[in-house]
Amino acid sequence: MQKTSQPTKPGTPRLSESARFLSAPAGIVSTAWPAVRKTCEQKLGVMFDPWQEGAGRLILGKRADGNLAAMIDGVGMSLPRQVGKTYLISAMVFALCVNTPGLLVIWTAHHLKTSAETFLSLQGFASRQRVAPFVKYVHTGSGDEEIAFHNGSRVLFGARERGFGRGIPGVDVLIFDEGQILSDMALANMLAAMNTSRFGLHLYIGTPPKPEDEGKSESFKRMRSEAKDGTLTDGAWVEFGADPDADLNDHAQWRKANPSYPKRTPMQSLLRLKRKLTPDDWRREGMGIWDEDAGLAPSEIDWIKWDALGHTAAPLDGRIAYAVRFSADGSRVALAAALRPAVGVPHVELIKVRDMAAGTSWLVTWLSARWRGCSRITVDGKAGAGALVNALRVAKIPARIICTPSVDEVIAAHAMTAEAIRSASLTHSSQKQLDDAVRGAGKRTIGPLGGWGWKPLSPDVDVVPLEAVTLALHAVTTGKSGAGRTGSDSRRAVIL
């Protein structure tokens, strides 16, 4: 993306100088922004910061035929939270409604909560002393919020998760808040509402997608990719963000990511946000850094859900199973346990991870002392499973207790664990090695029919602890009912 190098007055950088990425549509010869800004300043009493001025000029840029230059592909904006985007877009929308009688605007977010918060913000804007004379009424019905103007213009609000926006004809402006949670199907359904509009402004505003947004962020990611490749010739992209390797506590990087900090957004606001978010979410939402730029591939596991499951009390008794998993290169081995209570969901724990330099005698000793209280011992991993199974048999552990899983069973175990996390159907102990494995776990293909297992997303991630827990959960869930039950006293001896 090309950036302008033309100098500006100190303290008032151009949008092209302050944005991390900027892509403009081809053929811009004018912009409707001056008329909008004039209405904002003289009629509505609204003033803008330099970055907002630049964004407004770009969003409303026109070609020689008088149409918006971004009418075909729209305008995408990847912005950190608390940057002033709602202020900019709401002021622009109100000015457009005042200037254009009969304009119909749809403002939609994915979540109902976000849509409701945005509506409350614009409801407050509509009640301003200089704005209120233009507003005919504000409708506050649940799921049917609307701001209507005396000249026939309207702004409708709703949540996409409730199907809002489909089937409304004659829409002139579409605003997709939470643009990072917008599937291609939802986009196609809503864009049809603009088919008869001669104005055709559509905005996609969001933060860098989270791992759990996978499958819902195709359009946002694709738009950014096209902007970076220079192929978004009929659309625009504006992105603010810190450097990909930025220190998350570096206030200079905060300033780089957020053009409203510290003048409009004080340090206290960002600190409050930072302390409410995980480090990864702060990187995305507070500093605008995309995972792919930071060298982070999204984990396959929803960290928020996984973390919540670690704050649930473990059961005191139930059926127990163990699993041993060797790493593919034979350098490490992990031991895990799973306990299934008579009532409630299974609980999983990592017992120990060791380098194979220590051998496997500790595993034989540990399992030999506990096999009578378990329903199954699963052993997996070509690098050491065979030798360990033989050693366990020599130690007089019955063959009926020991299981070496088939490929189909391994595939089933991974699918079972993923679903259990999604549906909150397990609990676990909060253990750093296991948590680190969850944060860095991706999918590797197993077989030709869509099966998969865990794989590390970067060289410093060890997923062996997660693999062991996965196999233990499968073992305790599919083992014979009633076998290997243990009371609370013996449980304390077998699980950390």
Foldseek 3Di string as FASTA:
>chain_A
DDADPDDDDPPQDALSVQFPAKFAAPAFDFFPQVQLQCCCVVQLNDDDGNNLSNVRRRLGTDHPVGARLQLPPAEEEAAFPPQCPLVSVLSSVLSCCLVDFQAEEEEEEADQVVQLVSLVVSVVSCPDPRNVVQWPDWDDPRQWTKTAGPRNYIYTTHHVPVVPQAPQADHQEYEYEQLQQAAPVNVVRRQVNNPPYRHRHYYRYHWADALVSPRRRVSVVVCVVCSVVVNSNRYIYTAAFFQLQDDLPDVVLLCSRHVCPPVNPNPVNLVVVVVVDDPVCCRTRRGRHHCVRNLHDHFNADLVLQVVLQPDDADLWAAKEKEKEADQVRQKIWIKMWGQHPDAFIEIETADMDTCVVPCVVVLVLCLVQLQQHQAYEYEYPNPRVVVVVSNVVSVRDPNRYHHDDLVLLLVLQVVVRVCSVVVRYHYHDDVLQSQLRRFWDWDDDDDPRGTDTDGSDPVRDNNSVSRRSNNSSCRVPGDPPGNIDGSVVVVVNHD
